[in-house]
Amino acid sequence: MIGKLTGTVDSFTDASLILDVNGVGYLISASTRTIASLPAQGQRISLLIETFVREDQLKLFGFATEAEKQWFTLVQSVQGVGAKVALAILSTLSSNELVTAISLADKAMVARTPGVGPKVAQRIVTELKDKIPAFTGEVGSVAALLMGSETVPQTSAAADAVSALTNLGYGSGQAAAAVAIVVSELGSDAKTEKIIRLALRELAK
């Protein structure tokens, strides 16, 4: 099985690329997020690879980060989510945004993905709630804030507050972290307006 490929970028589209590895061109499907991270044609890059082997085909999926590769596998554990839908989700939401959506049970955020309806989005946030992998870096810190407390902000008020803050221009990770802190202090029955007001104070620190 192929786990990683290093070569030069031969060509790419919105959904795939050809990676030239010592004269062999590998056709690799990828999210738009990974495609956007590619260097110019002719430049070298390493991609993590997930190999799908079927009776009638062998298909390669490429990822710029380990977190994206983990999510690709994780979301497919949900009924109704295959490789095509998984890539669409990863093209629409970053790892950070997925952590936020699942932690807050925000199915509307997941349903922004083309081809993902409300029922599938609901299954994703429900079934993956306890399966969020232990990411590192910024995503890990957000996940810890959202998942590491009994007062995790999973109410609609908290989700509305995160949505309002992102509409104001804050990153989803920043917004979710601030809301997590506020709800842990106020309790799960806090009103949206108060959560937003205090979260803005947190973000201004």
C-alpha atoms as a PDB file:
ATOM      1  CA  MET A   1       0.000   0.000   0.000  1.00  0.00           C
ATOM      2  CA  ILE A   2       1.150   3.524  -0.767  1.00  0.00           C
ATOM      3  CA  GLY A   3       1.298   5.797   2.295  1.00  0.00           C
ATOM      4  CA  LYS A   4       3.262   8.761   0.957  1.00  0.00           C
ATOM      5  CA  LEU A   5       4.509  10.078  -2.375  1.00  0.00           C
ATOM      6  CA  THR A   6       7.155  12.694  -3.088  1.00  0.00           C
ATOM      7  CA  GLY A   7       7.577  14.102  -6.551  1.00  0.00           C
ATOM      8  CA  THR A   8       7.005  17.110  -8.788  1.00  0.00           C
ATOM      9  CA  VAL A   9       3.638  18.594  -9.650  1.00  0.00           C
ATOM     10  CA  ASP A  10       2.892  17.779 -13.273  1.00  0.00           C
ATOM     11  CA  SER A  11      -0.628  19.221 -13.523  1.00  0.00           C
ATOM     12  CA  PHE A  12      -3.771  19.643 -11.462  1.00  0.00           C
ATOM     13  CA  THR A  13      -7.483  20.433 -11.576  1.00  0.00           C
ATOM     14  CA  ASP A  14      -9.886  21.476  -8.824  1.00  0.00           C
ATOM     15  CA  ALA A  15     -10.235  17.876  -7.679  1.00  0.00           C
ATOM     16  CA  SER A  16      -7.075  16.000  -8.654  1.00  0.00           C
ATOM     17  CA  LEU A  17      -3.419  16.245  -9.614  1.00  0.00           C
ATOM     18  CA  ILE A  18      -0.780  14.267 -11.409  1.00  0.00           C
ATOM     19  CA  LEU A  19       2.353  13.832  -9.332  1.00  0.00           C
ATOM     20  CA  ASP A  20       5.471  12.859 -11.274  1.00  0.00           C
ATOM     21  CA  VAL A  21       7.533  10.440  -9.187  1.00  0.00           C
ATOM     22  CA  ASN A  22      10.712   9.472 -11.028  1.00  0.00           C
ATOM     23  CA  GLY A  23       8.975   9.601 -14.376  1.00  0.00           C
ATOM     24  CA  VAL A  24       5.776   7.868 -13.289  1.00  0.00           C
ATOM     25  CA  GLY A  25       2.672  10.061 -13.155  1.00  0.00           C
ATOM     26  CA  TYR A  26       0.327   9.213 -10.299  1.00  0.00           C
ATOM     27  CA  LEU A  27      -3.254  10.480 -10.590  1.00  0.00           C
ATOM     28  CA  ILE A  28      -4.289  11.590  -7.114  1.00  0.00           C
ATOM     29  CA  SER A  29      -7.699  12.823  -5.985  1.00  0.00           C
ATOM     30  CA  ALA A  30      -7.594  15.586  -3.381  1.00  0.00           C
ATOM     31  CA  SER A  31      -9.689  18.218  -1.644  1.00  0.00           C
ATOM     32  CA  THR A  32      -9.682  21.758  -2.979  1.00  0.00           C
ATOM     33  CA  ARG A  33      -7.863  22.707   0.224  1.00  0.00           C
ATOM     34  CA  THR A  34      -4.952  20.392  -0.622  1.00  0.00           C
ATOM     35  CA  ILE A  35      -5.008  21.471  -4.272  1.00  0.00           C
ATOM     36  CA  ALA A  36      -4.791  25.112  -3.181  1.00  0.00           C
ATOM     37  CA  SER A  37      -1.707  24.314  -1.089  1.00  0.00           C
ATOM     38  CA  LEU A  38       0.220  22.870  -4.038  1.00  0.00           C
ATOM     39  CA  PRO A  39       3.326  24.664  -5.284  1.00  0.00           C
ATOM     40  CA  ALA A  40       3.731  25.667  -8.922  1.00  0.00           C
ATOM     41  CA  GLN A  41       4.019  23.065 -11.653  1.00  0.00           C
ATOM     42  CA  GLY A  42       7.457  21.483 -11.683  1.00  0.00           C
ATOM     43  CA  GLN A  43       7.986  22.041  -7.947  1.00  0.00           C
ATOM     44  CA  ARG A  44       8.485  19.163  -5.514  1.00  0.00           C
ATOM     45  CA  ILE A  45       5.981  18.215  -2.859  1.00  0.00           C
ATOM     46  CA  SER A  46       5.197  15.334  -0.517  1.00  0.00           C
ATOM     47  CA  LEU A  47       1.640  14.141  -0.038  1.00  0.00           C
ATOM     48  CA  LEU A  48       0.225  11.646   2.418  1.00  0.00           C
ATOM     49  CA  ILE A  49      -1.681   8.973   0.506  1.00  0.00           C
ATOM     50  CA  GLU A  50      -4.721   6.821   1.201  1.00  0.00           C
ATOM     51  CA  THR A  51      -4.966   3.919  -1.256  1.00  0.00           C
ATOM     52  CA  PHE A  52      -8.363   2.525  -2.199  1.00  0.00           C
ATOM     53  CA  VAL A  53      -8.321  -0.860  -3.884  1.00  0.00           C
ATOM     54  CA  ARG A  54     -11.488  -2.193  -5.471  1.00  0.00           C
ATOM     55  CA  GLU A  55     -12.125  -5.107  -7.800  1.00  0.00           C
ATOM     56  CA  ASP A  56     -12.312  -2.782 -10.784  1.00  0.00           C
ATOM     57  CA  GLN A  57     -10.059   0.108  -9.769  1.00  0.00           C
ATOM     58  CA  LEU A  58      -7.167   1.397  -7.702  1.00  0.00           C
ATOM     59  CA  LYS A  59      -7.537   4.976  -6.562  1.00  0.00           C
ATOM     60  CA  LEU A  60      -5.183   7.294  -4.691  1.00  0.00           C
ATOM     61  CA  PHE A  61      -6.266  10.136  -2.405  1.00  0.00           C
ATOM     62  CA  GLY A  62      -3.731  12.751  -1.361  1.00  0.00           C
ATOM     63  CA  PHE A  63      -3.530  14.994   1.693  1.00  0.00           C
ATOM     64  CA  ALA A  64      -1.336  17.929   2.607  1.00  0.00           C
ATOM     65  CA  THR A  65      -1.671  17.287   6.352  1.00  0.00           C
ATOM     66  CA  GLU A  66      -2.074  14.331   8.693  1.00  0.00           C
ATOM     67  CA  ALA A  67      -5.161  15.955  10.217  1.00  0.00           C
ATOM     68  CA  GLU A  68      -6.920  16.048   6.854  1.00  0.00           C
ATOM     69  CA  LYS A  69      -6.029  12.404   6.217  1.00  0.00           C
ATOM     70  CA  GLN A  70      -7.421  11.403   9.613  1.00  0.00           C
ATOM     71  CA  TRP A  71     -10.664  13.253   8.959  1.00  0.00           C
ATOM     72  CA  PHE A  72     -10.987  11.607   5.542  1.00  0.00           C
ATOM     73  CA  THR A  73     -10.982   8.213   7.251  1.00  0.00           C
ATOM     74  CA  LEU A  74     -13.080   9.300  10.211  1.00  0.00           C
ATOM     75  CA  VAL A  75     -15.995  10.857   8.344  1.00  0.00           C
ATOM     76  CA  GLN A  76     -16.326   7.738   6.187  1.00  0.00           C
ATOM     77  CA  SER A  77     -17.147   5.749   9.305  1.00  0.00           C
ATOM     78  CA  VAL A  78     -20.520   7.510   9.186  1.00  0.00           C
ATOM     79  CA  GLN A  79     -23.252   5.755   7.232  1.00  0.00           C
ATOM     80  CA  GLY A  80     -23.881   7.406   3.881  1.00  0.00           C
ATOM     81  CA  VAL A  81     -20.453   9.050   3.658  1.00  0.00           C
ATOM     82  CA  GLY A  82     -18.110   7.716   1.004  1.00  0.00           C
ATOM     83  CA  ALA A  83     -14.807   8.972  -0.363  1.00  0.00           C
ATOM     84  CA  LYS A  84     -16.439  11.521  -2.694  1.00  0.00           C
ATOM     85  CA  VAL A  85     -18.521  13.070   0.084  1.00  0.00           C
ATOM     86  CA  ALA A  86     -15.571  12.974   2.485  1.00  0.00           C
ATOM     87  CA  LEU A  87     -13.463  14.996   0.051  1.00  0.00           C
ATOM     88  CA  ALA A  88     -16.324  17.439  -0.428  1.00  0.00           C
ATOM     89  CA  ILE A  89     -16.530  17.946   3.339  1.00  0.00           C
ATOM     90  CA  LEU A  90     -12.781  18.516   3.567  1.00  0.00           C
ATOM     91  CA  SER A  91     -13.009  20.979   0.676  1.00  0.00           C
ATOM     92  CA  THR A  92     -15.703  22.945   2.511  1.00  0.00           C
ATOM     93  CA  LEU A  93     -14.540  22.800   6.129  1.00  0.00           C
ATOM     94  CA  SER A  94     -11.073  22.928   7.631  1.00  0.00           C
ATOM     95  CA  SER A  95     -10.060  20.497  10.372  1.00  0.00           C
ATOM     96  CA  ASN A  96     -10.598  23.304  12.871  1.00  0.00           C
ATOM     97  CA  GLU A  97     -14.105  23.974  11.564  1.00  0.00           C
ATOM     98  CA  LEU A  98     -14.983  20.271  11.703  1.00  0.00           C
ATOM     99  CA  VAL A  99     -13.916  20.108  15.334  1.00  0.00           C
ATOM    100  CA  THR A 100     -16.075  23.155  16.044  1.00  0.00           C
ATOM    101  CA  ALA A 101     -19.112  21.836  14.165  1.00  0.00           C
ATOM    102  CA  ILE A 102     -19.027  18.419  15.822  1.00  0.00           C
ATOM    103  CA  SER A 103     -18.258  19.751  19.283  1.00  0.00           C
ATOM    104  CA  LEU A 104     -21.180  22.188  19.074  1.00  0.00           C
ATOM    105  CA  ALA A 105     -23.467  19.698  17.281  1.00  0.00           C
ATOM    106  CA  ASP A 106     -23.792  22.306  14.530  1.00  0.00           C
ATOM    107  CA  LYS A 107     -25.235  20.248  11.689  1.00  0.00           C
ATOM    108  CA  ALA A 108     -25.912  23.417   9.666  1.00  0.00           C
ATOM    109  CA  MET A 109     -22.180  24.044   9.380  1.00  0.00           C
ATOM    110  CA  VAL A 110     -21.593  20.533   8.036  1.00  0.00           C
ATOM    111  CA  ALA A 111     -24.600  20.821   5.708  1.00  0.00           C
ATOM    112  CA  ARG A 112     -22.859  23.698   3.918  1.00  0.00           C
ATOM    113  CA  THR A 113     -21.014  20.962   2.045  1.00  0.00           C
ATOM    114  CA  PRO A 114     -22.441  20.330  -1.448  1.00  0.00           C
ATOM    115  CA  GLY A 115     -24.099  16.912  -1.504  1.00  0.00           C
ATOM    116  CA  VAL A 116     -24.526  16.690   2.278  1.00  0.00           C
ATOM    117  CA  GLY A 117     -28.134  16.948   3.388  1.00  0.00           C
ATOM    118  CA  PRO A 118     -29.500  17.611   6.882  1.00  0.00           C
ATOM    119  CA  LYS A 119     -29.854  13.909   7.744  1.00  0.00           C
ATOM    120  CA  VAL A 120     -26.258  13.035   6.842  1.00  0.00           C
ATOM    121  CA  ALA A 121     -25.005  16.186   8.581  1.00  0.00           C
ATOM    122  CA  GLN A 122     -26.902  15.179  11.712  1.00  0.00           C
ATOM    123  CA  ARG A 123     -25.373  11.691  11.643  1.00  0.00           C
ATOM    124  CA  ILE A 124     -21.899  13.176  11.246  1.00  0.00           C
ATOM    125  CA  VAL A 125     -22.123  15.478  14.271  1.00  0.00           C
ATOM    126  CA  THR A 126     -23.840  12.801  16.356  1.00  0.00           C
ATOM    127  CA  GLU A 127     -21.706   9.769  15.516  1.00  0.00           C
ATOM    128  CA  LEU A 128     -18.358  11.584  15.549  1.00  0.00           C
ATOM    129  CA  LYS A 129     -18.877  13.470  18.800  1.00  0.00           C
ATOM    130  CA  ASP A 130     -16.876  10.905  20.785  1.00  0.00           C
ATOM    131  CA  LYS A 131     -14.447  10.064  17.995  1.00  0.00           C
ATOM    132  CA  ILE A 132     -12.688  13.370  17.392  1.00  0.00           C
ATOM    133  CA  PRO A 133      -9.022  12.444  17.043  1.00  0.00           C
ATOM    134  CA  ALA A 134      -6.354  14.042  19.207  1.00  0.00           C
ATOM    135  CA  PHE A 135      -5.039  16.659  16.819  1.00  0.00           C
ATOM    136  CA  THR A 136      -2.053  18.828  17.587  1.00  0.00           C
ATOM    137  CA  GLY A 137      -1.536  22.560  17.335  1.00  0.00           C
ATOM    138  CA  GLU A 138      -4.420  25.007  17.024  1.00  0.00           C
ATOM    139  CA  VAL A 139      -7.029  22.355  16.276  1.00  0.00           C
ATOM    140  CA  GLY A 140      -5.936  20.363  19.280  1.00  0.00           C
ATOM    141  CA  SER A 141      -6.255  23.351  21.590  1.00  0.00           C
ATOM    142  CA  VAL A 142      -9.750  24.090  20.335  1.00  0.00           C
ATOM    143  CA  ALA A 143     -10.767  20.454  20.660  1.00  0.00           C
ATOM    144  CA  ALA A 144      -9.465  20.370  24.212  1.00  0.00           C
ATOM    145  CA  LEU A 145     -11.465  23.443  25.135  1.00  0.00           C
ATOM    146  CA  LEU A 146     -14.626  22.115  23.532  1.00  0.00           C
ATOM    147  CA  MET A 147     -14.417  18.445  24.493  1.00  0.00           C
ATOM    148  CA  GLY A 148     -12.487  18.443  27.754  1.00  0.00           C
ATOM    149  CA  SER A 149     -15.153  19.784  30.064  1.00  0.00           C
ATOM    150  CA  GLU A 150     -18.522  18.656  31.367  1.00  0.00           C
ATOM    151  CA  THR A 151     -19.803  22.124  30.469  1.00  0.00           C
ATOM    152  CA  VAL A 152     -19.105  21.801  26.771  1.00  0.00           C
ATOM    153  CA  PRO A 153     -21.183  24.416  24.873  1.00  0.00           C
ATOM    154  CA  GLN A 154     -23.373  22.138  22.767  1.00  0.00           C
ATOM    155  CA  THR A 155     -26.564  24.241  23.014  1.00  0.00           C
ATOM    156  CA  SER A 156     -28.169  26.091  20.142  1.00  0.00           C
ATOM    157  CA  ALA A 157     -27.363  29.359  21.932  1.00  0.00           C
ATOM    158  CA  ALA A 158     -23.666  28.524  21.890  1.00  0.00           C
ATOM    159  CA  ALA A 159     -23.814  27.508  18.233  1.00  0.00           C
ATOM    160  CA  ASP A 160     -25.638  30.750  17.394  1.00  0.00           C
ATOM    161  CA  ALA A 161     -22.985  32.711  19.277  1.00  0.00           C
ATOM    162  CA  VAL A 162     -20.166  31.036  17.332  1.00  0.00           C
ATOM    163  CA  SER A 163     -22.008  31.757  14.084  1.00  0.00           C
ATOM    164  CA  ALA A 164     -22.482  35.421  15.020  1.00  0.00           C
ATOM    165  CA  LEU A 165     -18.814  35.838  15.922  1.00  0.00           C
ATOM    166  CA  THR A 166     -17.646  34.252  12.670  1.00  0.00           C
ATOM    167  CA  ASN A 167     -19.980  36.612  10.795  1.00  0.00           C
ATOM    168  CA  LEU A 168     -18.158  39.446  12.528  1.00  0.00           C
ATOM    169  CA  GLY A 169     -14.922  38.215  11.008  1.00  0.00           C
ATOM    170  CA  TYR A 170     -13.424  36.033  13.731  1.00  0.00           C
ATOM    171  CA  GLY A 171     -12.048  32.622  12.800  1.00  0.00           C
ATOM    172  CA  SER A 172     -14.265  29.692  13.717  1.00  0.00           C
ATOM    173  CA  GLY A 173     -11.569  28.309  16.007  1.00  0.00           C
ATOM    174  CA  GLN A 174     -11.181  31.632  17.825  1.00  0.00           C
ATOM    175  CA  ALA A 175     -14.934  32.014  18.167  1.00  0.00           C
ATOM    176  CA  ALA A 176     -15.464  28.466  19.423  1.00  0.00           C
ATOM    177  CA  ALA A 177     -12.679  28.777  21.982  1.00  0.00           C
ATOM    178  CA  ALA A 178     -14.067  32.061  23.341  1.00  0.00           C
ATOM    179  CA  VAL A 179     -17.607  30.660  23.517  1.00  0.00           C
ATOM    180  CA  ALA A 180     -16.325  27.539  25.282  1.00  0.00           C
ATOM    181  CA  ILE A 181     -14.726  29.667  27.985  1.00  0.00           C
ATOM    182  CA  VAL A 182     -17.816  31.832  28.445  1.00  0.00           C
ATOM    183  CA  VAL A 183     -20.293  28.929  28.591  1.00  0.00           C
ATOM    184  CA  SER A 184     -18.089  27.087  31.067  1.00  0.00           C
ATOM    185  CA  GLU A 185     -18.476  30.119  33.347  1.00  0.00           C
ATOM    186  CA  LEU A 186     -22.144  30.935  32.715  1.00  0.00           C
ATOM    187  CA  GLY A 187     -23.568  27.440  32.350  1.00  0.00           C
ATOM    188  CA  SER A 188     -25.341  25.696  29.496  1.00  0.00           C
ATOM    189  CA  ASP A 189     -28.555  27.743  29.900  1.00  0.00           C
ATOM    190  CA  ALA A 190     -26.839  31.037  29.057  1.00  0.00           C
ATOM    191  CA  LYS A 191     -28.554  33.265  26.498  1.00  0.00           C
ATOM    192  CA  THR A 192     -27.026  33.901  23.085  1.00  0.00           C
ATOM    193  CA  GLU A 193     -26.738  37.679  23.533  1.00  0.00           C
ATOM    194  CA  LYS A 194     -24.820  37.376  26.807  1.00  0.00           C
ATOM    195  CA  ILE A 195     -22.546  34.682  25.392  1.00  0.00           C
ATOM    196  CA  ILE A 196     -21.684  36.908  22.437  1.00  0.00           C
ATOM    197  CA  ARG A 197     -21.032  39.962  24.636  1.00  0.00           C
ATOM    198  CA  LEU A 198     -18.694  38.111  26.988  1.00  0.00           C
ATOM    199  CA  ALA A 199     -17.037  36.167  24.183  1.00  0.00           C
ATOM    200  CA  LEU A 200     -16.173  39.470  22.511  1.00  0.00           C
ATOM    201  CA  ARG A 201     -14.459  40.496  25.741  1.00  0.00           C
ATOM    202  CA  GLU A 202     -12.476  37.263  25.690  1.00  0.00           C
ATOM    203  CA  LEU A 203     -11.457  37.842  22.085  1.00  0.00           C
ATOM    204  CA  ALA A 204     -10.355  41.392  22.919  1.00  0.00           C
ATOM    205  CA  LYS A 205      -7.916  40.219  25.603  1.00  0.00           C
END
